[in-house]
Amino acid sequence: MKRKILMFICIIICLFFVSQIIINFVSKQEGTSFYDSTLPSHNEVDLDLLKEDYPDVQGYIEIKDTNISYPIVQGEDNEYYLNHLPNGDKNKMGSIYLDYRNNGFNDDNTVIYGHNMNDKTMFSELENYKDDDYYENHKSYTLYTETGNLEVEIVAAYIADASKESLPINFKGEEREEYLNKVSENNILDSEVNIKKEDKIITLCTCADTYDTSRLVLIGKVL
C-alpha cells in the first residue's frame, strides 16, 4: 500500500514538472512570436504605428550586432511589465520597460529594465559587457523616442543590490556627484565615467548572476 502511495506521489510530481516545462515552452514561443512581429522592417522604427497597437510604448531600443531590438513600454508601476508583453498578454518574457517614475526620457536619469533570459533574449546580452572586447565593440546604442533619436554611449557598469537600493531618477544638490562617484568606484568596465553636469544619463538594468538580488547596471550618457 505504501509503495502504491509513493508511486502515485512520484507520478503527480513528474506530471507537475512536465506541465511546467510545457507551459514555459508555450509561453516562450508566444513571447518570441510577438517580438518577432514587432521588429522594425528595413531598420525603420515607426513609433506612431507601435503606439496605435500598444499605447504604453514610449520608445524603442536597438543595440547593433546584438539581439537587443525591442519596443520600450511604461506601466503604472515596475511590476506589471515584468510578466506582461506590450499587448497586455501575461508572459514570462515580460517587456523592456521604463521605470514608472520617469517622465519619458526627460529626467536626469532614465532607467530601463529587462529580463536576463537563459535563451539570450530580452536584456540577457548585457551580461556580455563584462568582457572588455565586447564592450569595445558595443560602446553605443540607439533609443528611438517620440521627440527624436538618441545616441547613447555606455561609460560604466556595476553590480547593484536591488534589496538595498533603488536607482535614482532626478538629483538634488550633490546627489548627482555622489552617485557618479559611487559608479566610478564600482565600475567593472575599462572606462572612465566622463559624465558632465548637463549630460542626460540612460541606465539599463537586468538581473545579474552574482547573487539573487544582484542587478547589472549599465550607465550611459546621451551624446
N, C-alpha and C. Protein backbone atom coordinates (compact mmCIF):
# COMPACT_ATOMS: atom_id res chain seq x y z
N MET A 1 0.83 -1.20 0.00
CA MET A 1 0.00 0.00 0.00
C MET A 1 0.88 1.26 0.00
N LYS A 2 1.89 1.26 0.89
CA LYS A 2 2.76 2.42 0.97
C LYS A 2 3.50 2.65 -0.35
N ARG A 3 3.88 1.52 -0.98
CA ARG A 3 4.59 1.62 -2.25
C ARG A 3 3.70 2.25 -3.31
N LYS A 4 2.43 1.89 -3.32
CA LYS A 4 1.50 2.46 -4.30
C LYS A 4 1.31 3.97 -4.07
N ILE A 5 1.24 4.33 -2.79
CA ILE A 5 1.08 5.75 -2.45
C ILE A 5 2.30 6.55 -2.91
N LEU A 6 3.48 6.00 -2.62
CA LEU A 6 4.71 6.67 -3.04
C LEU A 6 4.80 6.79 -4.55
N MET A 7 4.40 5.71 -5.25
CA MET A 7 4.41 5.73 -6.70
C MET A 7 3.44 6.79 -7.23
N PHE A 8 2.28 6.89 -6.61
CA PHE A 8 1.27 7.88 -7.02
C PHE A 8 1.81 9.30 -6.82
N ILE A 9 2.45 9.52 -5.67
CA ILE A 9 3.04 10.84 -5.39
C ILE A 9 4.11 11.18 -6.42
N CYS A 10 4.95 10.20 -6.76
CA CYS A 10 6.01 10.42 -7.74
C CYS A 10 5.43 10.77 -9.11
N ILE A 11 4.34 10.08 -9.47
CA ILE A 11 3.69 10.36 -10.76
C ILE A 11 3.13 11.78 -10.78
N ILE A 12 2.51 12.19 -9.68
CA ILE A 12 1.95 13.54 -9.58
C ILE A 12 3.05 14.59 -9.71
N ILE A 13 4.18 14.34 -9.01
CA ILE A 13 5.30 15.29 -9.07
C ILE A 13 5.85 15.38 -10.49
N CYS A 14 6.01 14.22 -11.13
CA CYS A 14 6.52 14.20 -12.50
C CYS A 14 5.58 14.94 -13.45
N LEU A 15 4.28 14.70 -13.29
CA LEU A 15 3.29 15.38 -14.14
C LEU A 15 3.34 16.89 -13.93
N PHE A 16 3.56 17.30 -12.68
CA PHE A 16 3.64 18.73 -12.39
C PHE A 16 4.83 19.36 -13.11
N PHE A 17 6.00 18.71 -13.01
CA PHE A 17 7.19 19.28 -13.65
C PHE A 17 7.07 19.26 -15.17
N VAL A 18 6.48 18.20 -15.71
CA VAL A 18 6.27 18.14 -17.16
C VAL A 18 5.34 19.26 -17.61
N SER A 19 4.27 19.49 -16.83
CA SER A 19 3.33 20.55 -17.18
C SER A 19 3.99 21.92 -17.14
N GLN A 20 4.91 22.12 -16.17
CA GLN A 20 5.61 23.39 -16.07
C GLN A 20 6.54 23.60 -17.27
N ILE A 21 7.18 22.52 -17.70
CA ILE A 21 8.06 22.60 -18.86
C ILE A 21 7.25 22.98 -20.10
N ILE A 22 6.08 22.36 -20.24
CA ILE A 22 5.22 22.64 -21.40
C ILE A 22 4.72 24.08 -21.36
N ILE A 23 4.30 24.52 -20.17
CA ILE A 23 3.79 25.89 -20.01
C ILE A 23 4.89 26.91 -20.34
N ASN A 24 6.09 26.67 -19.83
CA ASN A 24 7.20 27.58 -20.10
C ASN A 24 7.57 27.60 -21.58
N PHE A 25 7.52 26.43 -22.21
CA PHE A 25 7.84 26.35 -23.64
C PHE A 25 6.81 27.12 -24.46
N VAL A 26 5.54 26.91 -24.16
CA VAL A 26 4.48 27.61 -24.89
C VAL A 26 4.58 29.12 -24.68
N SER A 27 4.84 29.52 -23.41
CA SER A 27 4.98 30.94 -23.09
C SER A 27 6.12 31.55 -23.88
N LYS A 28 7.26 30.84 -23.95
CA LYS A 28 8.41 31.34 -24.68
C LYS A 28 8.10 31.47 -26.16
N GLN A 29 7.42 30.49 -26.72
CA GLN A 29 7.07 30.54 -28.14
C GLN A 29 6.15 31.72 -28.43
N GLU A 30 5.18 31.95 -27.54
CA GLU A 30 4.24 33.06 -27.73
C GLU A 30 4.97 34.39 -27.63
N GLY A 31 5.87 34.50 -26.65
CA GLY A 31 6.62 35.74 -26.49
C GLY A 31 7.53 36.01 -27.67
N THR A 32 8.24 34.98 -28.13
CA THR A 32 9.13 35.13 -29.28
C THR A 32 8.36 35.53 -30.52
N SER A 33 7.21 34.90 -30.73
CA SER A 33 6.37 35.22 -31.88
C SER A 33 5.92 36.67 -31.85
N PHE A 34 5.54 37.14 -30.66
CA PHE A 34 5.10 38.53 -30.53
C PHE A 34 6.23 39.48 -30.89
N TYR A 35 7.40 39.28 -30.30
CA TYR A 35 8.50 40.22 -30.54
C TYR A 35 9.00 40.15 -31.97
N ASP A 36 8.97 38.97 -32.58
CA ASP A 36 9.35 38.88 -33.99
C ASP A 36 8.42 39.73 -34.86
N SER A 37 7.16 39.77 -34.48
CA SER A 37 6.18 40.53 -35.28
C SER A 37 6.31 42.04 -35.08
N THR A 38 6.96 42.48 -33.99
CA THR A 38 7.08 43.91 -33.73
C THR A 38 8.43 44.46 -34.16
N LEU A 39 9.35 43.60 -34.62
CA LEU A 39 10.65 44.08 -35.07
C LEU A 39 10.47 44.98 -36.29
N PRO A 40 11.19 46.09 -36.36
CA PRO A 40 11.03 47.01 -37.50
C PRO A 40 11.53 46.40 -38.79
N SER A 41 10.80 46.64 -39.87
CA SER A 41 11.24 46.15 -41.18
C SER A 41 12.18 47.17 -41.81
N HIS A 42 13.22 46.68 -42.44
CA HIS A 42 14.21 47.55 -43.11
C HIS A 42 14.80 48.59 -42.15
N ASN A 43 14.93 48.20 -40.88
CA ASN A 43 15.55 49.06 -39.86
C ASN A 43 14.81 50.39 -39.68
N GLU A 44 13.54 50.43 -39.97
CA GLU A 44 12.75 51.64 -39.78
C GLU A 44 11.80 51.44 -38.62
N VAL A 45 12.00 52.21 -37.56
CA VAL A 45 11.16 52.11 -36.37
C VAL A 45 10.05 53.15 -36.48
N ASP A 46 8.81 52.69 -36.46
CA ASP A 46 7.66 53.59 -36.56
C ASP A 46 6.95 53.60 -35.20
N LEU A 47 7.31 54.55 -34.35
CA LEU A 47 6.73 54.61 -33.01
C LEU A 47 5.24 54.92 -33.04
N ASP A 48 4.82 55.75 -33.98
CA ASP A 48 3.40 56.08 -34.08
C ASP A 48 2.58 54.83 -34.33
N LEU A 49 3.07 53.98 -35.21
CA LEU A 49 2.37 52.73 -35.52
C LEU A 49 2.36 51.80 -34.33
N LEU A 50 3.50 51.71 -33.62
CA LEU A 50 3.58 50.87 -32.43
C LEU A 50 2.60 51.35 -31.36
N LYS A 51 2.52 52.67 -31.18
CA LYS A 51 1.65 53.22 -30.14
C LYS A 51 0.17 53.02 -30.47
N GLU A 52 -0.16 52.94 -31.75
CA GLU A 52 -1.54 52.65 -32.14
C GLU A 52 -1.97 51.29 -31.61
N ASP A 53 -1.06 50.33 -31.71
CA ASP A 53 -1.38 48.97 -31.26
C ASP A 53 -1.10 48.77 -29.77
N TYR A 54 -0.08 49.45 -29.26
CA TYR A 54 0.35 49.27 -27.87
C TYR A 54 0.54 50.65 -27.24
N PRO A 55 -0.50 51.21 -26.64
CA PRO A 55 -0.47 52.60 -26.14
C PRO A 55 0.62 52.90 -25.11
N ASP A 56 1.11 51.89 -24.41
CA ASP A 56 2.12 52.13 -23.38
C ASP A 56 3.54 52.24 -23.95
N VAL A 57 3.70 52.08 -25.26
CA VAL A 57 5.02 52.21 -25.88
C VAL A 57 5.52 53.64 -25.75
N GLN A 58 6.75 53.78 -25.25
CA GLN A 58 7.37 55.09 -25.08
C GLN A 58 8.58 55.28 -25.99
N GLY A 59 9.10 54.19 -26.52
CA GLY A 59 10.28 54.29 -27.36
C GLY A 59 10.69 52.92 -27.87
N TYR A 60 11.90 52.86 -28.38
CA TYR A 60 12.43 51.61 -28.93
C TYR A 60 13.94 51.62 -28.72
N ILE A 61 14.50 50.48 -28.32
CA ILE A 61 15.94 50.38 -28.10
C ILE A 61 16.55 49.39 -29.08
N GLU A 62 17.71 49.76 -29.61
CA GLU A 62 18.42 48.87 -30.53
C GLU A 62 19.92 48.98 -30.30
N ILE A 63 20.54 47.85 -29.99
CA ILE A 63 22.00 47.78 -29.88
C ILE A 63 22.48 46.94 -31.06
N LYS A 64 23.18 47.56 -31.97
CA LYS A 64 23.59 46.88 -33.20
C LYS A 64 24.44 45.65 -32.91
N ASP A 65 24.26 44.65 -33.77
CA ASP A 65 25.00 43.38 -33.70
C ASP A 65 24.71 42.63 -32.40
N THR A 66 23.51 42.83 -31.85
CA THR A 66 23.05 42.06 -30.69
C THR A 66 21.59 41.67 -30.94
N ASN A 67 21.03 40.89 -30.02
CA ASN A 67 19.62 40.55 -30.09
C ASN A 67 18.73 41.62 -29.49
N ILE A 68 19.32 42.68 -28.96
CA ILE A 68 18.53 43.70 -28.26
C ILE A 68 17.94 44.68 -29.26
N SER A 69 16.68 44.47 -29.59
CA SER A 69 15.92 45.32 -30.51
C SER A 69 14.46 45.17 -30.12
N TYR A 70 13.99 46.07 -29.23
CA TYR A 70 12.68 45.90 -28.63
C TYR A 70 11.97 47.23 -28.41
N PRO A 71 10.64 47.20 -28.44
CA PRO A 71 9.88 48.38 -28.00
C PRO A 71 10.03 48.57 -26.49
N ILE A 72 9.96 49.82 -26.06
CA ILE A 72 10.05 50.17 -24.64
C ILE A 72 8.69 50.66 -24.18
N VAL A 73 8.14 50.04 -23.15
CA VAL A 73 6.84 50.43 -22.63
C VAL A 73 7.02 51.03 -21.24
N GLN A 74 5.93 51.56 -20.70
CA GLN A 74 5.95 52.09 -19.34
C GLN A 74 4.59 51.84 -18.69
N GLY A 75 4.62 51.28 -17.47
CA GLY A 75 3.40 50.99 -16.75
C GLY A 75 3.21 51.92 -15.56
N GLU A 76 2.18 51.65 -14.79
CA GLU A 76 1.88 52.46 -13.61
C GLU A 76 2.75 52.07 -12.42
N ASP A 77 3.46 50.96 -12.55
CA ASP A 77 4.41 50.52 -11.52
C ASP A 77 5.51 49.74 -12.22
N ASN A 78 6.45 49.22 -11.44
CA ASN A 78 7.55 48.45 -12.03
C ASN A 78 7.33 46.95 -11.94
N GLU A 79 6.09 46.55 -11.70
CA GLU A 79 5.77 45.14 -11.56
C GLU A 79 5.06 44.56 -12.78
N TYR A 80 4.11 45.32 -13.33
CA TYR A 80 3.22 44.78 -14.37
C TYR A 80 3.99 44.22 -15.56
N TYR A 81 4.92 45.01 -16.10
CA TYR A 81 5.60 44.58 -17.32
C TYR A 81 6.75 43.61 -17.06
N LEU A 82 6.92 43.21 -15.81
CA LEU A 82 7.84 42.11 -15.53
C LEU A 82 7.35 40.82 -16.17
N ASN A 83 6.02 40.65 -16.22
CA ASN A 83 5.46 39.41 -16.76
C ASN A 83 4.28 39.66 -17.71
N HIS A 84 4.32 40.79 -18.40
CA HIS A 84 3.33 41.07 -19.44
C HIS A 84 4.02 41.60 -20.69
N LEU A 85 3.56 41.16 -21.85
CA LEU A 85 4.04 41.70 -23.11
C LEU A 85 3.42 43.07 -23.34
N PRO A 86 3.95 43.85 -24.29
CA PRO A 86 3.36 45.17 -24.57
C PRO A 86 1.89 45.12 -24.96
N ASN A 87 1.41 43.98 -25.46
CA ASN A 87 -0.01 43.87 -25.82
C ASN A 87 -0.90 43.47 -24.64
N GLY A 88 -0.30 43.32 -23.46
CA GLY A 88 -1.06 43.01 -22.25
C GLY A 88 -1.14 41.53 -21.93
N ASP A 89 -0.66 40.67 -22.83
CA ASP A 89 -0.69 39.23 -22.56
C ASP A 89 0.31 38.88 -21.46
N LYS A 90 -0.12 38.03 -20.53
CA LYS A 90 0.79 37.59 -19.49
C LYS A 90 1.81 36.64 -20.08
N ASN A 91 3.10 36.89 -19.80
CA ASN A 91 4.15 36.09 -20.41
C ASN A 91 5.43 36.26 -19.60
N LYS A 92 6.16 35.17 -19.41
CA LYS A 92 7.36 35.19 -18.57
C LYS A 92 8.47 36.06 -19.16
N MET A 93 8.45 36.31 -20.48
CA MET A 93 9.47 37.15 -21.08
C MET A 93 9.31 38.60 -20.65
N GLY A 94 8.07 38.98 -20.34
CA GLY A 94 7.83 40.36 -19.95
C GLY A 94 8.14 41.33 -21.06
N SER A 95 8.48 42.57 -20.70
CA SER A 95 8.77 43.62 -21.67
C SER A 95 10.03 44.37 -21.25
N ILE A 96 10.56 45.12 -22.19
CA ILE A 96 11.57 46.12 -21.87
C ILE A 96 10.78 47.37 -21.46
N TYR A 97 11.04 47.91 -20.27
CA TYR A 97 10.16 48.98 -19.81
C TYR A 97 10.90 50.06 -19.02
N LEU A 98 10.34 51.28 -19.12
CA LEU A 98 10.84 52.42 -18.36
C LEU A 98 10.40 52.32 -16.91
N ASP A 99 11.22 52.83 -16.03
CA ASP A 99 10.81 52.99 -14.63
C ASP A 99 9.56 53.87 -14.60
N TYR A 100 8.58 53.48 -13.82
CA TYR A 100 7.31 54.22 -13.78
C TYR A 100 7.49 55.65 -13.30
N ARG A 101 8.60 55.94 -12.61
CA ARG A 101 8.86 57.28 -12.10
C ARG A 101 9.35 58.23 -13.19
N ASN A 102 9.82 57.68 -14.30
CA ASN A 102 10.39 58.52 -15.34
C ASN A 102 9.33 59.30 -16.12
N ASN A 103 9.66 60.53 -16.47
CA ASN A 103 8.84 61.36 -17.35
C ASN A 103 9.41 61.23 -18.75
N GLY A 104 9.01 60.16 -19.43
CA GLY A 104 9.59 59.88 -20.74
C GLY A 104 11.10 59.72 -20.61
N PHE A 105 11.83 60.42 -21.49
CA PHE A 105 13.29 60.38 -21.47
C PHE A 105 13.86 61.74 -21.06
N ASN A 106 13.11 62.44 -20.22
CA ASN A 106 13.45 63.83 -19.90
C ASN A 106 14.09 64.04 -18.54
N ASP A 107 14.23 62.99 -17.75
CA ASP A 107 14.79 63.14 -16.40
C ASP A 107 16.31 63.12 -16.42
N ASP A 108 16.89 63.40 -15.26
CA ASP A 108 18.35 63.33 -15.13
C ASP A 108 18.84 61.93 -15.47
N ASN A 109 18.09 60.93 -15.04
CA ASN A 109 18.46 59.53 -15.25
C ASN A 109 17.23 58.75 -15.70
N THR A 110 17.27 58.24 -16.91
CA THR A 110 16.20 57.39 -17.43
C THR A 110 16.59 55.94 -17.21
N VAL A 111 15.74 55.19 -16.51
CA VAL A 111 16.05 53.80 -16.15
C VAL A 111 15.19 52.85 -16.97
N ILE A 112 15.83 51.89 -17.63
CA ILE A 112 15.14 50.93 -18.50
C ILE A 112 15.46 49.52 -18.02
N TYR A 113 14.42 48.73 -17.76
CA TYR A 113 14.58 47.38 -17.21
C TYR A 113 14.25 46.30 -18.26
N GLY A 114 14.85 45.14 -18.08
CA GLY A 114 14.52 43.98 -18.92
C GLY A 114 15.05 42.72 -18.28
N HIS A 115 14.38 41.59 -18.57
CA HIS A 115 14.80 40.31 -18.00
C HIS A 115 16.12 39.82 -18.61
N ASN A 116 16.83 39.02 -17.82
CA ASN A 116 18.02 38.31 -18.27
C ASN A 116 17.59 36.86 -18.53
N MET A 117 17.16 36.58 -19.76
CA MET A 117 16.62 35.27 -20.11
C MET A 117 17.73 34.28 -20.46
N ASN A 118 17.49 33.01 -20.19
CA ASN A 118 18.50 31.98 -20.46
C ASN A 118 18.78 31.78 -21.94
N ASP A 119 17.82 32.16 -22.80
CA ASP A 119 17.98 31.92 -24.23
C ASP A 119 18.55 33.12 -24.97
N LYS A 120 19.12 34.07 -24.22
CA LYS A 120 19.81 35.24 -24.81
C LYS A 120 18.85 36.26 -25.41
N THR A 121 17.57 36.22 -25.02
CA THR A 121 16.63 37.24 -25.47
C THR A 121 16.50 38.33 -24.40
N MET A 122 15.71 39.35 -24.69
CA MET A 122 15.49 40.50 -23.82
C MET A 122 16.84 41.16 -23.48
N PHE A 123 17.16 41.39 -22.21
CA PHE A 123 18.40 42.08 -21.85
C PHE A 123 19.53 41.13 -21.46
N SER A 124 19.43 39.86 -21.83
CA SER A 124 20.44 38.89 -21.39
C SER A 124 21.83 39.22 -21.93
N GLU A 125 21.92 39.81 -23.12
CA GLU A 125 23.23 40.08 -23.71
C GLU A 125 23.99 41.19 -22.99
N LEU A 126 23.32 41.90 -22.09
CA LEU A 126 24.03 42.91 -21.31
C LEU A 126 25.12 42.28 -20.46
N GLU A 127 24.96 41.01 -20.11
CA GLU A 127 25.99 40.29 -19.34
C GLU A 127 27.32 40.28 -20.09
N ASN A 128 27.26 40.37 -21.43
CA ASN A 128 28.49 40.31 -22.22
C ASN A 128 29.38 41.52 -22.01
N TYR A 129 28.81 42.59 -21.46
CA TYR A 129 29.61 43.80 -21.24
C TYR A 129 30.69 43.59 -20.18
N LYS A 130 30.63 42.50 -19.47
CA LYS A 130 31.69 42.20 -18.51
C LYS A 130 32.99 41.84 -19.23
N ASP A 131 32.88 41.55 -20.53
CA ASP A 131 34.05 41.22 -21.34
C ASP A 131 34.56 42.49 -22.03
N ASP A 132 35.85 42.81 -21.87
CA ASP A 132 36.41 44.05 -22.39
C ASP A 132 36.27 44.16 -23.91
N ASP A 133 36.51 43.06 -24.62
CA ASP A 133 36.40 43.10 -26.08
C ASP A 133 34.97 43.39 -26.53
N TYR A 134 34.02 42.78 -25.85
CA TYR A 134 32.62 43.02 -26.20
C TYR A 134 32.27 44.49 -25.99
N TYR A 135 32.71 45.03 -24.87
CA TYR A 135 32.44 46.44 -24.58
C TYR A 135 33.04 47.34 -25.66
N GLU A 136 34.25 47.05 -26.07
CA GLU A 136 34.92 47.87 -27.09
C GLU A 136 34.14 47.89 -28.40
N ASN A 137 33.46 46.79 -28.70
CA ASN A 137 32.73 46.68 -29.96
C ASN A 137 31.25 47.06 -29.86
N HIS A 138 30.80 47.38 -28.65
CA HIS A 138 29.38 47.73 -28.46
C HIS A 138 29.26 48.89 -27.47
N LYS A 139 29.97 49.96 -27.75
CA LYS A 139 30.02 51.07 -26.81
C LYS A 139 28.80 51.98 -26.87
N SER A 140 28.02 51.88 -27.92
CA SER A 140 26.88 52.79 -28.05
C SER A 140 25.65 52.06 -28.57
N TYR A 141 24.51 52.70 -28.40
CA TYR A 141 23.25 52.15 -28.91
C TYR A 141 22.29 53.30 -29.21
N THR A 142 21.16 52.95 -29.81
CA THR A 142 20.19 53.96 -30.23
C THR A 142 18.88 53.80 -29.49
N LEU A 143 18.34 54.92 -29.01
CA LEU A 143 16.99 54.96 -28.48
C LEU A 143 16.13 55.78 -29.43
N TYR A 144 15.04 55.20 -29.88
CA TYR A 144 14.09 55.91 -30.72
C TYR A 144 12.98 56.44 -29.82
N THR A 145 12.78 57.74 -29.81
CA THR A 145 11.76 58.34 -28.96
C THR A 145 10.83 59.22 -29.80
N GLU A 146 9.75 59.66 -29.20
CA GLU A 146 8.79 60.48 -29.93
C GLU A 146 9.35 61.85 -30.30
N THR A 147 10.37 62.28 -29.58
CA THR A 147 10.96 63.60 -29.86
C THR A 147 12.25 63.51 -30.67
N GLY A 148 12.63 62.30 -31.07
CA GLY A 148 13.84 62.14 -31.87
C GLY A 148 14.68 60.97 -31.40
N ASN A 149 15.66 60.62 -32.21
CA ASN A 149 16.54 59.50 -31.88
C ASN A 149 17.68 59.96 -30.98
N LEU A 150 18.02 59.13 -30.00
CA LEU A 150 19.10 59.43 -29.07
C LEU A 150 20.21 58.40 -29.23
N GLU A 151 21.43 58.89 -29.41
CA GLU A 151 22.60 58.02 -29.42
C GLU A 151 23.18 58.03 -28.01
N VAL A 152 23.38 56.84 -27.46
CA VAL A 152 23.83 56.71 -26.08
C VAL A 152 25.17 56.00 -26.03
N GLU A 153 26.12 56.59 -25.32
CA GLU A 153 27.44 55.98 -25.12
C GLU A 153 27.51 55.35 -23.74
N ILE A 154 27.83 54.06 -23.68
CA ILE A 154 27.97 53.36 -22.41
C ILE A 154 29.32 53.71 -21.79
N VAL A 155 29.32 54.19 -20.57
CA VAL A 155 30.57 54.63 -19.93
C VAL A 155 30.91 53.86 -18.66
N ALA A 156 29.97 53.08 -18.13
CA ALA A 156 30.25 52.36 -16.88
C ALA A 156 29.24 51.24 -16.68
N ALA A 157 29.60 50.32 -15.82
CA ALA A 157 28.69 49.25 -15.39
C ALA A 157 29.08 48.83 -13.98
N TYR A 158 28.10 48.47 -13.20
CA TYR A 158 28.40 47.99 -11.85
C TYR A 158 27.29 47.04 -11.39
N ILE A 159 27.57 46.32 -10.32
CA ILE A 159 26.60 45.38 -9.75
C ILE A 159 25.91 46.05 -8.56
N ALA A 160 24.59 46.12 -8.61
CA ALA A 160 23.80 46.73 -7.54
C ALA A 160 23.01 45.66 -6.81
N ASP A 161 22.65 45.96 -5.58
CA ASP A 161 21.82 45.06 -4.77
C ASP A 161 20.41 45.64 -4.73
N ALA A 162 19.48 44.99 -5.43
CA ALA A 162 18.11 45.51 -5.54
C ALA A 162 17.39 45.53 -4.21
N SER A 163 17.86 44.75 -3.25
CA SER A 163 17.19 44.71 -1.95
C SER A 163 17.61 45.88 -1.06
N LYS A 164 18.67 46.60 -1.46
CA LYS A 164 19.20 47.66 -0.61
C LYS A 164 19.14 49.04 -1.23
N GLU A 165 18.94 49.12 -2.53
CA GLU A 165 18.96 50.43 -3.18
C GLU A 165 18.04 50.47 -4.39
N SER A 166 17.54 51.66 -4.68
CA SER A 166 16.78 51.88 -5.90
C SER A 166 17.56 52.87 -6.75
N LEU A 167 17.42 52.78 -8.04
CA LEU A 167 18.18 53.64 -8.93
C LEU A 167 17.58 55.04 -8.95
N PRO A 168 18.41 56.07 -8.89
CA PRO A 168 17.90 57.45 -8.84
C PRO A 168 17.32 57.89 -10.17
N ILE A 169 16.37 58.81 -10.13
CA ILE A 169 15.77 59.37 -11.34
C ILE A 169 16.20 60.82 -11.53
N ASN A 170 16.02 61.64 -10.51
CA ASN A 170 16.47 63.03 -10.54
C ASN A 170 17.35 63.31 -9.33
N PHE A 171 18.25 64.24 -9.48
CA PHE A 171 19.22 64.53 -8.43
C PHE A 171 18.98 65.91 -7.83
N LYS A 172 19.26 66.02 -6.53
CA LYS A 172 19.20 67.30 -5.85
C LYS A 172 20.55 67.59 -5.21
N GLY A 173 20.96 68.85 -5.28
CA GLY A 173 22.21 69.24 -4.64
C GLY A 173 23.39 68.42 -5.12
N GLU A 174 24.05 67.75 -4.20
CA GLU A 174 25.26 67.00 -4.52
C GLU A 174 24.98 65.52 -4.82
N GLU A 175 23.70 65.16 -4.93
CA GLU A 175 23.35 63.75 -5.14
C GLU A 175 23.94 63.20 -6.44
N ARG A 176 23.94 64.02 -7.49
CA ARG A 176 24.47 63.57 -8.78
C ARG A 176 25.95 63.21 -8.67
N GLU A 177 26.72 64.11 -8.08
CA GLU A 177 28.16 63.87 -7.93
C GLU A 177 28.43 62.66 -7.05
N GLU A 178 27.66 62.51 -5.97
CA GLU A 178 27.83 61.38 -5.07
C GLU A 178 27.52 60.06 -5.79
N TYR A 179 26.45 60.08 -6.60
CA TYR A 179 26.07 58.86 -7.32
C TYR A 179 27.14 58.49 -8.35
N LEU A 180 27.62 59.47 -9.11
CA LEU A 180 28.63 59.19 -10.13
C LEU A 180 29.95 58.75 -9.51
N ASN A 181 30.27 59.27 -8.34
CA ASN A 181 31.46 58.79 -7.63
C ASN A 181 31.32 57.32 -7.26
N LYS A 182 30.12 56.97 -6.82
CA LYS A 182 29.85 55.57 -6.47
C LYS A 182 29.96 54.69 -7.71
N VAL A 183 29.41 55.16 -8.83
CA VAL A 183 29.50 54.41 -10.08
C VAL A 183 30.96 54.21 -10.48
N SER A 184 31.75 55.26 -10.37
CA SER A 184 33.17 55.19 -10.74
C SER A 184 33.92 54.19 -9.87
N GLU A 185 33.65 54.21 -8.58
CA GLU A 185 34.34 53.33 -7.64
C GLU A 185 34.02 51.86 -7.89
N ASN A 186 32.81 51.60 -8.40
CA ASN A 186 32.38 50.22 -8.61
C ASN A 186 32.35 49.80 -10.08
N ASN A 187 32.87 50.65 -10.94
CA ASN A 187 32.83 50.41 -12.38
C ASN A 187 33.61 49.15 -12.75
N ILE A 188 32.99 48.23 -13.47
CA ILE A 188 33.64 46.99 -13.89
C ILE A 188 34.12 47.06 -15.34
N LEU A 189 33.88 48.19 -16.02
CA LEU A 189 34.34 48.36 -17.39
C LEU A 189 35.70 49.04 -17.41
N ASP A 190 36.43 48.82 -18.48
CA ASP A 190 37.70 49.50 -18.68
C ASP A 190 37.39 50.86 -19.30
N SER A 191 36.89 51.78 -18.47
CA SER A 191 36.42 53.06 -18.98
C SER A 191 36.46 54.11 -17.88
N GLU A 192 36.30 55.36 -18.30
CA GLU A 192 36.19 56.45 -17.35
C GLU A 192 34.76 56.99 -17.37
N VAL A 193 34.26 57.37 -16.21
CA VAL A 193 32.89 57.89 -16.12
C VAL A 193 32.94 59.39 -16.40
N ASN A 194 33.03 59.72 -17.68
CA ASN A 194 33.17 61.12 -18.09
C ASN A 194 31.80 61.75 -18.37
N ILE A 195 30.99 61.83 -17.33
CA ILE A 195 29.65 62.41 -17.45
C ILE A 195 29.66 63.80 -16.85
N LYS A 196 29.24 64.78 -17.65
CA LYS A 196 29.20 66.16 -17.19
C LYS A 196 27.84 66.48 -16.58
N LYS A 197 27.78 67.62 -15.92
CA LYS A 197 26.57 68.02 -15.21
C LYS A 197 25.37 68.12 -16.13
N GLU A 198 25.60 68.58 -17.37
CA GLU A 198 24.49 68.78 -18.30
C GLU A 198 24.09 67.52 -19.06
N ASP A 199 24.85 66.44 -18.91
CA ASP A 199 24.57 65.20 -19.65
C ASP A 199 23.34 64.48 -19.08
N LYS A 200 22.52 63.96 -19.99
CA LYS A 200 21.42 63.08 -19.59
C LYS A 200 21.96 61.66 -19.45
N ILE A 201 21.56 60.98 -18.38
CA ILE A 201 22.02 59.62 -18.13
C ILE A 201 20.93 58.63 -18.53
N ILE A 202 21.34 57.56 -19.20
CA ILE A 202 20.44 56.46 -19.53
C ILE A 202 20.98 55.21 -18.85
N THR A 203 20.15 54.54 -18.07
CA THR A 203 20.57 53.36 -17.32
C THR A 203 19.82 52.12 -17.80
N LEU A 204 20.55 51.07 -18.13
CA LEU A 204 19.96 49.78 -18.48
C LEU A 204 20.18 48.83 -17.30
N CYS A 205 19.13 48.11 -16.92
CA CYS A 205 19.23 47.27 -15.72
C CYS A 205 18.62 45.90 -15.97
N THR A 206 19.34 44.86 -15.57
CA THR A 206 18.85 43.49 -15.68
C THR A 206 19.40 42.67 -14.52
N CYS A 207 18.89 41.47 -14.35
CA CYS A 207 19.38 40.59 -13.29
C CYS A 207 20.82 40.17 -13.59
N ALA A 208 21.63 40.08 -12.55
CA ALA A 208 22.99 39.58 -12.69
C ALA A 208 23.07 38.19 -12.06
N ASP A 209 24.12 37.47 -12.37
CA ASP A 209 24.26 36.10 -11.85
C ASP A 209 25.13 36.05 -10.60
N THR A 210 25.38 37.20 -9.97
CA THR A 210 26.25 37.24 -8.79
C THR A 210 25.57 36.67 -7.56
N TYR A 211 24.35 37.14 -7.26
CA TYR A 211 23.53 36.62 -6.17
C TYR A 211 22.07 36.95 -6.48
N ASP A 212 21.13 36.45 -5.69
CA ASP A 212 19.71 36.51 -6.03
C ASP A 212 19.20 37.91 -6.32
N THR A 213 19.61 38.88 -5.51
CA THR A 213 19.09 40.23 -5.67
C THR A 213 20.06 41.16 -6.41
N SER A 214 21.07 40.57 -7.05
CA SER A 214 22.04 41.40 -7.76
C SER A 214 21.50 41.84 -9.11
N ARG A 215 21.87 43.05 -9.50
CA ARG A 215 21.46 43.61 -10.78
C ARG A 215 22.67 44.17 -11.50
N LEU A 216 22.74 43.90 -12.79
CA LEU A 216 23.77 44.51 -13.63
C LEU A 216 23.23 45.84 -14.13
N VAL A 217 23.95 46.91 -13.83
CA VAL A 217 23.50 48.26 -14.18
C VAL A 217 24.51 48.87 -15.16
N LEU A 218 24.04 49.23 -16.34
CA LEU A 218 24.89 49.88 -17.33
C LEU A 218 24.54 51.35 -17.42
N ILE A 219 25.53 52.19 -17.26
CA ILE A 219 25.35 53.63 -17.26
C ILE A 219 25.82 54.20 -18.60
N GLY A 220 24.94 54.98 -19.24
CA GLY A 220 25.30 55.63 -20.49
C GLY A 220 24.94 57.09 -20.46
N LYS A 221 25.49 57.85 -21.39
CA LYS A 221 25.13 59.27 -21.50
C LYS A 221 24.68 59.56 -22.93
N VAL A 222 23.73 60.47 -23.04
CA VAL A 222 23.22 60.85 -24.35
C VAL A 222 24.26 61.74 -25.04
N LEU A 223 24.63 61.37 -26.25
CA LEU A 223 25.65 62.12 -26.99
C LEU A 223 25.05 63.36 -27.64
